[in-house]
Amino acid sequence: MKHIFSLLALTVVIVTMAACSTPPYVYKSGEFNRASPVFGQPARNIYDVTICYSSSNATPQQVTKLAVDECAAFNKTAEFTKQSYNVCPLVAPIAAIYECQGQGNARASGDGQSVPGGTLMNYDGIEFRY
């Protein structure tokens, strides 16, 4: 009987976590650290961008678009660097890390920017260009 309740509790936790999956988002380290000297100020330049996502709740196109848009805001292009499971929270456990390449450091006009030749993406062990 004790095992049935344990199994039921585990099932409830797993279902609850699956229901609370979040869409992919740009992870900003220290974003809520009030002791940081740049707290609450817009970024002036970025060198990389981390996108947190869950493979069950996001497509490779959504993840890549977030990275491309974030780098494009600084007149840069995004190039996939690596994946990590040590950065993001459990509801979006996969971190896709992109390097923002280029010389620009001012925010773009918002007209968007594509990645020349595509960007290399590793989505759950499958590499492709998008």
N, C-alpha and C. Protein backbone atom coordinates (compact mmCIF):
# COMPACT_ATOMS: atom_id res chain seq x y z
N MET A 1 0.82 -1.19 0.00
CA MET A 1 0.00 0.00 0.00
C MET A 1 0.88 1.26 0.00
N LYS A 2 1.97 1.19 0.75
CA LYS A 2 2.88 2.33 0.84
C LYS A 2 3.48 2.65 -0.54
N HIS A 3 3.78 1.61 -1.31
CA HIS A 3 4.36 1.81 -2.64
C HIS A 3 3.36 2.41 -3.61
N ILE A 4 2.10 2.08 -3.45
CA ILE A 4 1.07 2.63 -4.34
C ILE A 4 0.96 4.14 -4.14
N PHE A 5 1.01 4.60 -2.88
CA PHE A 5 0.96 6.04 -2.62
C PHE A 5 2.20 6.75 -3.14
N SER A 6 3.36 6.12 -3.01
CA SER A 6 4.59 6.70 -3.53
C SER A 6 4.54 6.83 -5.04
N LEU A 7 4.05 5.78 -5.69
CA LEU A 7 3.93 5.79 -7.14
C LEU A 7 2.91 6.84 -7.59
N LEU A 8 1.82 6.96 -6.89
CA LEU A 8 0.80 7.96 -7.20
C LEU A 8 1.36 9.37 -7.04
N ALA A 9 2.09 9.61 -5.97
CA ALA A 9 2.69 10.92 -5.73
C ALA A 9 3.70 11.27 -6.82
N LEU A 10 4.51 10.31 -7.22
CA LEU A 10 5.49 10.52 -8.29
C LEU A 10 4.79 10.84 -9.60
N THR A 11 3.71 10.14 -9.89
CA THR A 11 2.95 10.38 -11.11
C THR A 11 2.37 11.80 -11.11
N VAL A 12 1.84 12.22 -9.99
CA VAL A 12 1.28 13.58 -9.88
C VAL A 12 2.37 14.63 -10.12
N VAL A 13 3.54 14.42 -9.56
CA VAL A 13 4.65 15.37 -9.74
C VAL A 13 5.06 15.44 -11.21
N ILE A 14 5.18 14.30 -11.85
CA ILE A 14 5.61 14.27 -13.26
C ILE A 14 4.56 14.93 -14.15
N VAL A 15 3.31 14.63 -13.94
CA VAL A 15 2.24 15.25 -14.75
C VAL A 15 2.20 16.76 -14.53
N THR A 16 2.36 17.18 -13.29
CA THR A 16 2.35 18.61 -12.98
C THR A 16 3.51 19.32 -13.67
N MET A 17 4.70 18.73 -13.62
CA MET A 17 5.86 19.35 -14.27
C MET A 17 5.67 19.42 -15.78
N ALA A 18 5.10 18.38 -16.36
CA ALA A 18 4.87 18.38 -17.81
C ALA A 18 3.86 19.45 -18.20
N ALA A 19 2.86 19.66 -17.37
CA ALA A 19 1.84 20.66 -17.66
C ALA A 19 2.39 22.08 -17.51
N CYS A 20 3.42 22.23 -16.74
CA CYS A 20 3.99 23.56 -16.48
C CYS A 20 5.15 23.88 -17.40
N SER A 21 5.31 23.15 -18.48
CA SER A 21 6.41 23.42 -19.42
C SER A 21 6.29 24.84 -19.94
N THR A 22 7.42 25.48 -20.04
CA THR A 22 7.42 26.85 -20.53
C THR A 22 7.89 26.89 -21.98
N PRO A 23 7.48 27.91 -22.73
CA PRO A 23 7.98 28.05 -24.10
C PRO A 23 9.46 28.44 -24.05
N PRO A 24 10.19 28.30 -25.15
CA PRO A 24 11.60 28.68 -25.15
C PRO A 24 11.77 30.17 -24.85
N TYR A 25 12.86 30.50 -24.17
CA TYR A 25 13.11 31.90 -23.82
C TYR A 25 14.60 32.18 -23.75
N VAL A 26 14.96 33.46 -23.82
CA VAL A 26 16.35 33.89 -23.71
C VAL A 26 16.72 33.93 -22.24
N TYR A 27 17.74 33.17 -21.87
CA TYR A 27 18.23 33.12 -20.49
C TYR A 27 19.27 34.22 -20.29
N LYS A 28 19.09 34.99 -19.25
CA LYS A 28 20.04 36.06 -18.94
C LYS A 28 20.56 35.84 -17.53
N SER A 29 21.80 35.41 -17.43
CA SER A 29 22.41 35.11 -16.14
C SER A 29 22.44 36.36 -15.26
N GLY A 30 22.03 36.21 -14.03
CA GLY A 30 22.06 37.32 -13.08
C GLY A 30 21.02 38.39 -13.35
N GLU A 31 20.03 38.10 -14.15
CA GLU A 31 19.02 39.09 -14.52
C GLU A 31 18.30 39.67 -13.31
N PHE A 32 18.14 38.88 -12.28
CA PHE A 32 17.40 39.33 -11.09
C PHE A 32 18.32 39.62 -9.91
N ASN A 33 19.62 39.73 -10.15
CA ASN A 33 20.59 40.01 -9.10
C ASN A 33 20.66 41.53 -8.87
N ARG A 34 20.01 41.99 -7.83
CA ARG A 34 19.97 43.44 -7.55
C ARG A 34 21.33 44.01 -7.16
N ALA A 35 22.26 43.16 -6.78
CA ALA A 35 23.59 43.63 -6.40
C ALA A 35 24.47 43.89 -7.62
N SER A 36 24.02 43.45 -8.78
CA SER A 36 24.80 43.64 -10.00
C SER A 36 24.84 45.11 -10.40
N PRO A 37 26.00 45.61 -10.87
CA PRO A 37 26.08 47.01 -11.28
C PRO A 37 25.27 47.32 -12.54
N VAL A 38 24.87 46.30 -13.30
CA VAL A 38 24.09 46.52 -14.52
C VAL A 38 22.63 46.09 -14.34
N PHE A 39 22.19 45.89 -13.10
CA PHE A 39 20.82 45.47 -12.85
C PHE A 39 19.83 46.49 -13.40
N GLY A 40 18.86 46.02 -14.18
CA GLY A 40 17.81 46.88 -14.70
C GLY A 40 18.22 47.75 -15.87
N GLN A 41 19.45 47.62 -16.34
CA GLN A 41 19.91 48.42 -17.47
C GLN A 41 19.93 47.56 -18.73
N PRO A 42 19.60 48.12 -19.88
CA PRO A 42 19.65 47.32 -21.11
C PRO A 42 21.10 46.97 -21.47
N ALA A 43 21.27 45.83 -22.10
CA ALA A 43 22.60 45.41 -22.52
C ALA A 43 23.11 46.33 -23.62
N ARG A 44 24.39 46.62 -23.59
CA ARG A 44 24.99 47.47 -24.62
C ARG A 44 25.62 46.66 -25.72
N ASN A 45 26.02 45.44 -25.39
CA ASN A 45 26.64 44.54 -26.34
C ASN A 45 26.52 43.13 -25.80
N ILE A 46 26.41 42.15 -26.67
CA ILE A 46 26.41 40.76 -26.23
C ILE A 46 27.36 39.97 -27.10
N TYR A 47 27.92 38.92 -26.52
CA TYR A 47 28.86 38.07 -27.24
C TYR A 47 28.28 36.66 -27.43
N ASP A 48 27.32 36.32 -26.60
CA ASP A 48 26.65 35.04 -26.76
C ASP A 48 25.23 35.16 -26.22
N VAL A 49 24.41 34.18 -26.58
CA VAL A 49 23.03 34.14 -26.12
C VAL A 49 22.69 32.69 -25.79
N THR A 50 21.95 32.51 -24.70
CA THR A 50 21.54 31.19 -24.27
C THR A 50 20.02 31.11 -24.34
N ILE A 51 19.52 30.09 -25.01
CA ILE A 51 18.09 29.87 -25.13
C ILE A 51 17.74 28.63 -24.32
N CYS A 52 16.84 28.78 -23.35
CA CYS A 52 16.36 27.64 -22.55
C CYS A 52 15.09 27.11 -23.19
N TYR A 53 15.01 25.78 -23.31
CA TYR A 53 13.83 25.18 -23.92
C TYR A 53 13.68 23.73 -23.49
N SER A 54 12.52 23.20 -23.77
CA SER A 54 12.23 21.79 -23.57
C SER A 54 11.96 21.20 -24.94
N SER A 55 12.55 20.07 -25.26
CA SER A 55 12.37 19.49 -26.59
C SER A 55 10.93 19.06 -26.84
N SER A 56 10.14 18.89 -25.79
CA SER A 56 8.74 18.52 -25.98
C SER A 56 7.85 19.74 -26.17
N ASN A 57 8.41 20.94 -25.98
CA ASN A 57 7.60 22.15 -26.03
C ASN A 57 8.14 23.20 -26.99
N ALA A 58 9.15 22.85 -27.80
CA ALA A 58 9.74 23.83 -28.71
C ALA A 58 10.28 23.13 -29.95
N THR A 59 10.24 23.84 -31.05
CA THR A 59 10.82 23.31 -32.29
C THR A 59 12.21 23.93 -32.47
N PRO A 60 13.05 23.29 -33.28
CA PRO A 60 14.37 23.88 -33.56
C PRO A 60 14.25 25.28 -34.17
N GLN A 61 13.21 25.49 -34.98
CA GLN A 61 13.02 26.79 -35.62
C GLN A 61 12.73 27.88 -34.58
N GLN A 62 11.94 27.56 -33.57
CA GLN A 62 11.64 28.54 -32.51
C GLN A 62 12.89 28.90 -31.73
N VAL A 63 13.68 27.89 -31.39
CA VAL A 63 14.90 28.12 -30.62
C VAL A 63 15.87 28.97 -31.41
N THR A 64 16.08 28.61 -32.67
CA THR A 64 17.01 29.35 -33.52
C THR A 64 16.54 30.78 -33.75
N LYS A 65 15.25 30.96 -33.97
CA LYS A 65 14.72 32.31 -34.20
C LYS A 65 14.97 33.22 -33.00
N LEU A 66 14.80 32.70 -31.80
CA LEU A 66 15.08 33.52 -30.61
C LEU A 66 16.54 33.97 -30.58
N ALA A 67 17.45 33.05 -30.88
CA ALA A 67 18.88 33.40 -30.88
C ALA A 67 19.21 34.40 -31.98
N VAL A 68 18.67 34.15 -33.18
CA VAL A 68 18.92 35.06 -34.31
C VAL A 68 18.39 36.46 -33.99
N ASP A 69 17.19 36.54 -33.45
CA ASP A 69 16.60 37.84 -33.12
C ASP A 69 17.38 38.57 -32.04
N GLU A 70 17.84 37.84 -31.03
CA GLU A 70 18.60 38.48 -29.94
C GLU A 70 19.93 39.02 -30.45
N CYS A 71 20.65 38.24 -31.25
CA CYS A 71 21.92 38.72 -31.80
C CYS A 71 21.69 39.85 -32.81
N ALA A 72 20.62 39.74 -33.59
CA ALA A 72 20.31 40.77 -34.60
C ALA A 72 20.03 42.12 -33.95
N ALA A 73 19.55 42.11 -32.74
CA ALA A 73 19.29 43.37 -32.04
C ALA A 73 20.58 44.14 -31.81
N PHE A 74 21.72 43.48 -31.93
CA PHE A 74 23.02 44.12 -31.76
C PHE A 74 23.82 44.08 -33.07
N ASN A 75 23.10 43.94 -34.19
CA ASN A 75 23.72 43.88 -35.52
C ASN A 75 24.73 42.75 -35.64
N LYS A 76 24.41 41.60 -35.07
CA LYS A 76 25.29 40.44 -35.13
C LYS A 76 24.52 39.24 -35.64
N THR A 77 25.26 38.22 -36.03
CA THR A 77 24.64 36.96 -36.47
C THR A 77 24.87 35.89 -35.41
N ALA A 78 23.97 34.92 -35.36
CA ALA A 78 24.04 33.86 -34.36
C ALA A 78 24.64 32.59 -34.98
N GLU A 79 25.56 31.98 -34.24
CA GLU A 79 26.11 30.71 -34.67
C GLU A 79 26.06 29.75 -33.49
N PHE A 80 25.42 28.59 -33.70
CA PHE A 80 25.28 27.62 -32.64
C PHE A 80 26.65 27.16 -32.16
N THR A 81 26.83 27.13 -30.81
CA THR A 81 28.09 26.72 -30.21
C THR A 81 27.98 25.36 -29.55
N LYS A 82 27.01 25.22 -28.63
CA LYS A 82 26.88 23.95 -27.91
C LYS A 82 25.54 23.88 -27.19
N GLN A 83 25.29 22.72 -26.63
CA GLN A 83 24.11 22.47 -25.83
C GLN A 83 24.57 22.14 -24.42
N SER A 84 23.76 22.49 -23.43
CA SER A 84 24.12 22.20 -22.04
C SER A 84 22.86 21.85 -21.25
N TYR A 85 23.04 21.03 -20.24
CA TYR A 85 21.94 20.69 -19.34
C TYR A 85 22.22 21.25 -17.93
N ASN A 86 23.19 22.13 -17.80
CA ASN A 86 23.61 22.65 -16.50
C ASN A 86 23.27 24.12 -16.28
N VAL A 87 22.50 24.72 -17.17
CA VAL A 87 22.26 26.16 -17.09
C VAL A 87 20.81 26.49 -16.73
N CYS A 88 19.88 25.87 -17.42
CA CYS A 88 18.47 26.23 -17.34
C CYS A 88 17.73 25.44 -16.25
N PRO A 89 16.56 25.95 -15.84
CA PRO A 89 15.77 25.25 -14.82
C PRO A 89 15.11 24.00 -15.39
N LEU A 90 14.54 23.19 -14.51
CA LEU A 90 13.98 21.90 -14.87
C LEU A 90 12.82 21.97 -15.85
N VAL A 91 12.02 23.03 -15.84
CA VAL A 91 10.88 23.12 -16.75
C VAL A 91 11.30 23.38 -18.20
N ALA A 92 12.49 23.90 -18.41
CA ALA A 92 13.07 24.09 -19.74
C ALA A 92 14.55 23.72 -19.63
N PRO A 93 14.86 22.42 -19.53
CA PRO A 93 16.18 21.98 -19.09
C PRO A 93 17.32 22.09 -20.09
N ILE A 94 17.03 22.30 -21.35
CA ILE A 94 18.08 22.30 -22.36
C ILE A 94 18.49 23.73 -22.69
N ALA A 95 19.77 23.98 -22.68
CA ALA A 95 20.30 25.30 -23.04
C ALA A 95 21.00 25.19 -24.39
N ALA A 96 20.52 25.93 -25.37
CA ALA A 96 21.19 26.04 -26.66
C ALA A 96 22.00 27.34 -26.61
N ILE A 97 23.31 27.22 -26.72
CA ILE A 97 24.19 28.38 -26.57
C ILE A 97 24.72 28.79 -27.94
N TYR A 98 24.51 30.04 -28.28
CA TYR A 98 24.92 30.60 -29.56
C TYR A 98 25.94 31.70 -29.32
N GLU A 99 26.87 31.83 -30.25
CA GLU A 99 27.82 32.93 -30.23
C GLU A 99 27.29 34.00 -31.17
N CYS A 100 27.28 35.25 -30.70
CA CYS A 100 26.86 36.37 -31.54
C CYS A 100 28.10 36.94 -32.21
N GLN A 101 28.17 36.81 -33.53
CA GLN A 101 29.35 37.22 -34.27
C GLN A 101 29.09 38.49 -35.06
N GLY A 102 30.09 39.32 -35.12
CA GLY A 102 29.99 40.57 -35.87
C GLY A 102 30.55 41.72 -35.06
N GLN A 103 30.63 42.87 -35.68
CA GLN A 103 31.23 44.04 -35.03
C GLN A 103 30.21 44.97 -34.40
N GLY A 104 28.97 44.89 -34.83
CA GLY A 104 27.96 45.84 -34.34
C GLY A 104 27.72 45.70 -32.86
N ASN A 105 27.41 46.82 -32.22
CA ASN A 105 27.07 46.76 -30.81
C ASN A 105 25.87 47.64 -30.47
N ALA A 106 25.28 48.28 -31.47
CA ALA A 106 24.10 49.10 -31.22
C ALA A 106 22.86 48.31 -31.56
N ARG A 107 21.77 48.61 -30.92
CA ARG A 107 20.51 47.92 -31.21
C ARG A 107 20.09 48.24 -32.65
N ALA A 108 19.63 47.21 -33.32
CA ALA A 108 19.20 47.36 -34.72
C ALA A 108 17.85 48.07 -34.80
N SER A 109 17.47 48.40 -36.01
CA SER A 109 16.22 49.10 -36.22
C SER A 109 15.01 48.19 -36.08
N GLY A 110 15.24 46.90 -35.93
CA GLY A 110 14.14 45.97 -35.76
C GLY A 110 13.68 45.33 -37.05
N ASP A 111 14.45 45.52 -38.14
CA ASP A 111 14.06 44.94 -39.41
C ASP A 111 14.46 43.48 -39.54
N GLY A 112 15.10 42.91 -38.53
CA GLY A 112 15.46 41.50 -38.55
C GLY A 112 16.76 41.25 -39.28
N GLN A 113 17.25 40.05 -39.15
CA GLN A 113 18.51 39.68 -39.78
C GLN A 113 18.55 38.17 -39.90
N SER A 114 18.94 37.67 -41.03
CA SER A 114 19.03 36.23 -41.20
C SER A 114 20.47 35.79 -41.00
N VAL A 115 20.65 34.51 -40.78
CA VAL A 115 21.98 33.97 -40.59
C VAL A 115 22.51 33.52 -41.95
N PRO A 116 23.60 34.14 -42.46
CA PRO A 116 24.14 33.75 -43.76
C PRO A 116 24.57 32.28 -43.74
N GLY A 117 24.09 31.50 -44.69
CA GLY A 117 24.47 30.10 -44.78
C GLY A 117 23.82 29.24 -43.71
N GLY A 118 22.97 29.79 -42.89
CA GLY A 118 22.31 29.02 -41.83
C GLY A 118 23.19 28.90 -40.61
N THR A 119 22.60 28.43 -39.55
CA THR A 119 23.35 28.23 -38.32
C THR A 119 23.31 26.75 -37.97
N LEU A 120 24.41 26.22 -37.50
CA LEU A 120 24.49 24.82 -37.11
C LEU A 120 23.73 24.64 -35.81
N MET A 121 22.83 23.67 -35.79
CA MET A 121 21.98 23.44 -34.62
C MET A 121 22.09 21.99 -34.22
N ASN A 122 22.15 21.73 -32.93
CA ASN A 122 22.14 20.37 -32.41
C ASN A 122 20.89 20.24 -31.58
N TYR A 123 19.92 19.53 -32.11
CA TYR A 123 18.64 19.38 -31.42
C TYR A 123 18.54 17.95 -30.92
N ASP A 124 18.77 17.74 -29.65
CA ASP A 124 18.73 16.42 -29.03
C ASP A 124 19.61 15.42 -29.77
N GLY A 125 20.81 15.84 -30.11
CA GLY A 125 21.78 14.95 -30.72
C GLY A 125 21.75 14.90 -32.24
N ILE A 126 20.82 15.60 -32.87
CA ILE A 126 20.73 15.62 -34.32
C ILE A 126 21.22 16.97 -34.81
N GLU A 127 22.31 16.98 -35.60
CA GLU A 127 22.87 18.23 -36.10
C GLU A 127 22.29 18.57 -37.48
N PHE A 128 21.94 19.84 -37.67
CA PHE A 128 21.45 20.31 -38.97
C PHE A 128 21.66 21.81 -39.05
N ARG A 129 21.52 22.34 -40.26
CA ARG A 129 21.62 23.78 -40.46
C ARG A 129 20.24 24.35 -40.67
N TYR A 130 20.00 25.51 -40.06
CA TYR A 130 18.71 26.18 -40.20
C TYR A 130 18.93 27.59 -40.66
